[in-house]
N, C-alpha and C. Protein backbone atom coordinates (compact mmCIF):
# COMPACT_ATOMS: atom_id res chain seq x y z
N MET A 1 -7.74 15.31 14.29
CA MET A 1 -7.81 16.34 13.47
C MET A 1 -6.71 16.75 13.24
N LEU A 2 -5.68 17.05 13.78
CA LEU A 2 -4.90 16.87 13.32
C LEU A 2 -3.65 16.86 12.59
N GLY A 3 -3.82 15.40 12.59
CA GLY A 3 -3.01 14.79 11.80
C GLY A 3 -3.77 14.52 10.19
N ALA A 4 -5.60 14.85 10.59
CA ALA A 4 -5.88 15.30 8.73
C ALA A 4 -5.34 16.25 8.51
N LEU A 5 -5.90 17.59 9.14
CA LEU A 5 -4.75 18.43 8.59
C LEU A 5 -3.59 18.35 7.91
N GLY A 6 -2.17 18.62 8.70
CA GLY A 6 -1.32 17.75 8.22
C GLY A 6 -0.79 16.85 6.77
N VAL A 7 -1.85 16.16 6.50
CA VAL A 7 -1.55 14.99 6.03
C VAL A 7 -1.96 16.73 4.83
N TRP A 8 -3.54 16.59 4.53
CA TRP A 8 -3.73 17.45 3.63
C TRP A 8 -2.85 18.87 3.37
N SER A 9 -2.24 20.19 4.99
CA SER A 9 -1.88 21.08 4.53
C SER A 9 0.25 20.19 3.86
N TYR A 10 0.42 19.01 3.96
CA TYR A 10 1.49 18.02 3.79
C TYR A 10 1.73 17.81 1.87
N ALA A 11 0.63 16.75 2.31
CA ALA A 11 0.60 16.38 0.64
C ALA A 11 -0.35 17.19 -0.39
N PHE A 12 -1.34 17.66 0.43
CA PHE A 12 -2.19 18.57 -1.37
C PHE A 12 -1.62 19.30 -1.39
N ASN A 13 -1.32 20.29 -0.50
CA ASN A 13 -1.12 21.55 -0.89
C ASN A 13 0.56 21.84 -1.40
N ARG A 14 1.33 20.58 -1.10
CA ARG A 14 2.51 20.71 -1.23
C ARG A 14 3.74 21.59 -0.32
N THR A 15 2.99 22.10 0.81
CA THR A 15 3.97 23.26 1.65
C THR A 15 4.90 22.16 2.12
N THR A 16 5.95 22.93 2.55
CA THR A 16 7.14 21.75 2.66
C THR A 16 6.78 22.45 4.17
N PHE A 17 7.64 20.86 4.69
CA PHE A 17 7.70 20.69 6.24
C PHE A 17 8.51 21.69 6.94
N THR A 18 7.96 22.24 7.49
CA THR A 18 9.08 22.59 8.41
C THR A 18 8.74 22.89 10.13
N CYS A 19 10.13 23.08 10.56
CA CYS A 19 9.38 23.70 11.96
C CYS A 19 9.10 24.15 12.62
N ASN A 20 8.30 24.58 13.46
CA ASN A 20 7.05 25.35 14.55
C ASN A 20 6.89 24.91 15.97
N PRO A 21 7.35 25.79 16.14
CA PRO A 21 7.44 25.40 18.18
C PRO A 21 5.65 24.90 18.40
N LEU A 22 4.97 25.44 17.51
CA LEU A 22 3.64 24.91 17.74
C LEU A 22 3.50 23.45 17.62
N TYR A 23 4.13 22.85 17.37
CA TYR A 23 4.26 21.60 17.11
C TYR A 23 4.02 20.23 18.17
N TRP A 24 4.85 21.47 18.94
CA TRP A 24 5.19 21.05 20.86
C TRP A 24 3.97 21.10 21.60
N GLY A 25 2.93 21.20 20.89
CA GLY A 25 1.20 21.87 21.54
C GLY A 25 0.12 20.83 21.57
N ALA A 26 0.96 20.09 19.91
CA ALA A 26 0.09 18.88 19.41
C ALA A 26 0.75 17.62 19.82
N VAL A 27 2.09 17.53 20.23
CA VAL A 27 2.61 16.45 20.61
C VAL A 27 2.13 16.21 22.69
N PHE A 28 2.07 17.35 23.02
CA PHE A 28 1.48 17.06 24.05
C PHE A 28 0.57 16.19 24.69
N PRO A 29 -0.87 17.02 24.34
CA PRO A 29 -1.94 16.33 24.25
C PRO A 29 -2.41 14.64 23.82
N LEU A 30 -1.62 14.88 22.51
CA LEU A 30 -1.25 13.47 22.72
C LEU A 30 -0.73 11.92 23.40
N GLY A 31 -0.03 12.75 24.18
CA GLY A 31 0.30 12.20 25.73
C GLY A 31 -0.16 11.97 26.97
N MET A 32 -0.48 12.98 27.02
CA MET A 32 -1.68 13.14 28.40
C MET A 32 -3.15 12.71 28.12
N TYR A 33 -3.47 12.38 26.38
CA TYR A 33 -5.19 12.12 26.29
C TYR A 33 -4.08 10.46 26.94
N THR A 34 -2.95 9.72 26.35
CA THR A 34 -3.06 8.46 26.88
C THR A 34 -2.83 8.29 28.05
N VAL A 35 -1.81 9.10 28.91
CA VAL A 35 -1.48 8.97 29.81
C VAL A 35 -3.45 8.45 31.08
N GLY A 36 -4.01 9.60 30.69
CA GLY A 36 -4.94 9.95 30.67
C GLY A 36 -6.41 8.97 30.70
N THR A 37 -6.40 8.28 29.13
CA THR A 37 -7.04 6.76 29.57
C THR A 37 -6.77 5.94 30.26
N PHE A 38 -4.83 5.96 29.83
CA PHE A 38 -4.47 4.68 30.74
C PHE A 38 -5.23 4.37 32.94
N TYR A 39 -4.93 6.01 32.84
CA TYR A 39 -5.06 5.89 34.51
C TYR A 39 -6.87 5.79 34.80
N MET A 40 -7.70 6.92 33.97
CA MET A 40 -9.33 6.29 33.77
C MET A 40 -9.87 5.02 34.02
N ALA A 41 -9.10 4.24 33.45
CA ALA A 41 -9.96 2.56 32.11
C ALA A 41 -8.94 2.30 34.06
N ARG A 42 -7.99 2.44 34.60
CA ARG A 42 -7.32 1.67 36.00
C ARG A 42 -7.90 2.24 37.24
N SER A 43 -8.93 3.35 37.27
CA SER A 43 -9.42 3.87 38.96
C SER A 43 -10.87 3.35 38.61
N MET A 44 -11.08 3.24 37.20
CA MET A 44 -12.69 2.77 37.16
C MET A 44 -13.17 1.52 36.99
N ASP A 45 -12.31 0.83 36.49
CA ASP A 45 -12.05 -0.59 36.26
C ASP A 45 -12.83 -0.82 34.60
N MET A 46 -11.97 -0.30 33.97
CA MET A 46 -13.09 -0.59 32.14
C MET A 46 -12.85 -0.61 31.37
N GLU A 47 -12.14 -2.06 31.70
CA GLU A 47 -10.72 -2.47 31.30
C GLU A 47 -10.78 -3.27 29.60
N PHE A 48 -11.75 -2.44 28.82
CA PHE A 48 -12.49 -2.19 27.55
C PHE A 48 -11.54 -1.01 26.71
N LEU A 49 -11.12 -0.10 27.90
CA LEU A 49 -10.53 0.79 27.47
C LEU A 49 -8.35 0.87 27.45
N ASP A 50 -8.73 -0.29 28.02
CA ASP A 50 -7.22 -0.85 27.56
C ASP A 50 -6.87 -1.01 26.90
N VAL A 51 -6.93 -1.08 25.36
CA VAL A 51 -6.20 -1.55 24.16
C VAL A 51 -6.09 0.11 23.60
N ILE A 52 -6.77 1.02 24.49
CA ILE A 52 -6.64 2.33 23.69
C ILE A 52 -5.05 3.25 23.69
N PRO A 53 -4.67 2.90 25.14
CA PRO A 53 -3.23 3.80 26.25
C PRO A 53 -2.31 2.55 24.92
N GLN A 54 -2.45 1.12 24.63
CA GLN A 54 -1.68 0.14 24.51
C GLN A 54 -1.44 0.41 23.05
N TYR A 55 -2.06 1.37 22.79
CA TYR A 55 -2.10 1.82 20.37
C TYR A 55 -1.37 2.71 20.44
N PHE A 56 -2.28 3.27 21.06
CA PHE A 56 -2.46 5.64 20.92
C PHE A 56 -0.40 5.93 22.03
N VAL A 57 0.08 4.80 22.78
CA VAL A 57 1.00 5.04 22.76
C VAL A 57 2.50 5.39 22.17
N TYR A 58 1.97 4.86 21.10
CA TYR A 58 3.37 4.48 19.61
C TYR A 58 2.96 5.20 18.74
N ILE A 59 1.90 6.48 18.54
CA ILE A 59 0.88 7.08 17.69
C ILE A 59 1.73 8.61 18.42
N ALA A 60 1.31 8.58 20.21
CA ALA A 60 2.22 9.86 20.30
C ALA A 60 3.89 10.19 20.67
N LEU A 61 4.65 8.19 20.51
CA LEU A 61 5.78 8.37 20.46
C LEU A 61 5.92 8.94 18.80
N PHE A 62 5.50 8.09 18.21
CA PHE A 62 6.60 8.78 16.71
C PHE A 62 6.00 10.29 16.78
N ALA A 63 4.80 10.91 17.24
CA ALA A 63 5.05 12.54 16.93
C ALA A 63 5.22 13.16 17.44
N TRP A 64 6.11 12.55 19.24
CA TRP A 64 7.18 13.19 19.57
C TRP A 64 8.59 13.13 18.94
N LEU A 65 8.77 12.16 18.12
CA LEU A 65 9.72 11.49 17.85
C LEU A 65 10.02 12.62 16.46
N LEU A 66 8.84 13.15 15.65
CA LEU A 66 8.71 14.07 14.80
C LEU A 66 9.04 15.30 14.99
N ALA A 67 8.28 16.17 15.97
CA ALA A 67 8.48 17.27 16.47
C ALA A 67 9.89 17.37 17.07
N PHE A 68 10.52 16.04 17.99
CA PHE A 68 11.99 16.29 18.21
C PHE A 68 12.81 16.33 16.68
N VAL A 69 12.28 15.61 16.07
CA VAL A 69 13.59 15.36 14.89
C VAL A 69 13.36 17.10 14.00
N GLY A 70 12.93 17.59 14.21
CA GLY A 70 12.49 18.81 13.13
C GLY A 70 13.45 20.11 14.34
N LEU A 71 12.86 19.72 15.46
CA LEU A 71 13.28 20.45 16.40
C LEU A 71 15.33 20.62 15.77
N ALA A 72 15.84 19.39 16.34
CA ALA A 72 17.33 19.17 16.13
C ALA A 72 17.68 19.53 14.89
N LYS A 73 17.11 19.41 13.85
CA LYS A 73 17.51 19.75 12.17
C LYS A 73 17.33 21.42 12.23
N THR A 74 16.36 22.13 13.06
CA THR A 74 16.23 23.42 12.82
C THR A 74 17.26 24.12 13.32
N LEU A 75 18.07 23.32 14.26
CA LEU A 75 18.77 23.88 15.84
C LEU A 75 20.31 24.09 14.85
N ILE A 76 19.96 22.23 14.66
CA ILE A 76 21.87 22.39 14.08
C ILE A 76 22.00 23.05 12.29
N GLY A 77 20.82 23.23 11.39
CA GLY A 77 20.89 24.48 10.01
C GLY A 77 21.40 25.48 11.15
N ALA A 78 20.84 26.22 12.15
CA ALA A 78 21.24 27.67 12.88
C ALA A 78 22.74 27.37 13.38
N ILE A 79 23.13 26.28 13.94
CA ILE A 79 24.27 26.53 14.35
C ILE A 79 25.33 26.27 13.08
N HIS A 80 24.50 25.43 12.28
CA HIS A 80 26.32 24.83 11.70
C HIS A 80 26.96 26.28 10.64
N PRO A 81 25.69 26.98 10.25
CA PRO A 81 26.92 28.36 9.88
C PRO A 81 27.58 29.44 10.52
N LEU A 82 27.87 28.91 12.13
CA LEU A 82 27.59 29.92 12.88
C LEU A 82 29.51 29.16 12.86
N ILE A 83 29.15 27.71 12.93
CA ILE A 83 30.26 27.18 13.60
C ILE A 83 31.82 26.38 12.41
N SER A 84 31.11 27.23 10.91
CA SER A 84 31.08 27.32 9.38
C SER A 84 32.24 28.78 9.75
N LYS A 85 31.73 29.57 9.63
CA LYS A 85 32.49 30.80 10.13
C LYS A 85 33.32 30.93 11.05
N ARG A 86 33.09 30.69 12.49
CA ARG A 86 34.16 30.19 12.83
C ARG A 86 35.29 29.79 12.21
N ILE A 87 35.08 28.55 11.95
CA ILE A 87 36.07 27.26 11.55
C ILE A 87 36.99 28.11 10.52
N GLY A 88 36.38 28.98 9.70
CA GLY A 88 36.49 29.63 8.04
C GLY A 88 37.52 30.65 8.74
N SER A 89 37.56 31.38 9.58
CA SER A 89 38.31 32.67 9.90
C SER A 89 39.23 31.86 10.66
N ASP A 90 39.20 31.01 11.31
CA ASP A 90 41.56 30.81 12.25
C ASP A 90 41.50 29.77 11.30
N ASP A 91 41.82 30.13 10.01
CA ASP A 91 42.87 29.27 9.13
C ASP A 91 43.97 28.94 9.67
N GLN A 92 44.76 29.75 10.04
CA GLN A 92 45.93 29.71 10.36
C GLN A 92 45.95 29.26 12.18
N VAL A 93 45.80 28.29 12.72
CA VAL A 93 46.38 28.62 13.76
C VAL A 93 47.70 27.80 14.49
N SER A 94 48.20 28.14 15.10
CA SER A 94 49.18 27.88 15.95
C SER A 94 48.98 27.17 16.91
N CYS A 95 50.54 26.16 16.83
CA CYS A 95 50.06 25.66 18.85
C CYS A 95 50.66 26.01 19.53
């Protein structure tokens, strides 16, 4: 459902992708679903469930990577003006 809403929001409504701390709330359940399904299949001897974590782990890692890249981009964008302002004010540095 989260994937469908994301595609609808960014592809069809043409909203810009901005980092939002709420994305981490979407990434966490993906990982927990993967781990929970893995251990449930092991503990209940349900071998037919083994295929879900084998592939879903890549979806969870991809979602985590997207959230992390968005966070890093936001942090770098916030820090960059501060660094360039500080460097610009110290043009005459003596050794």
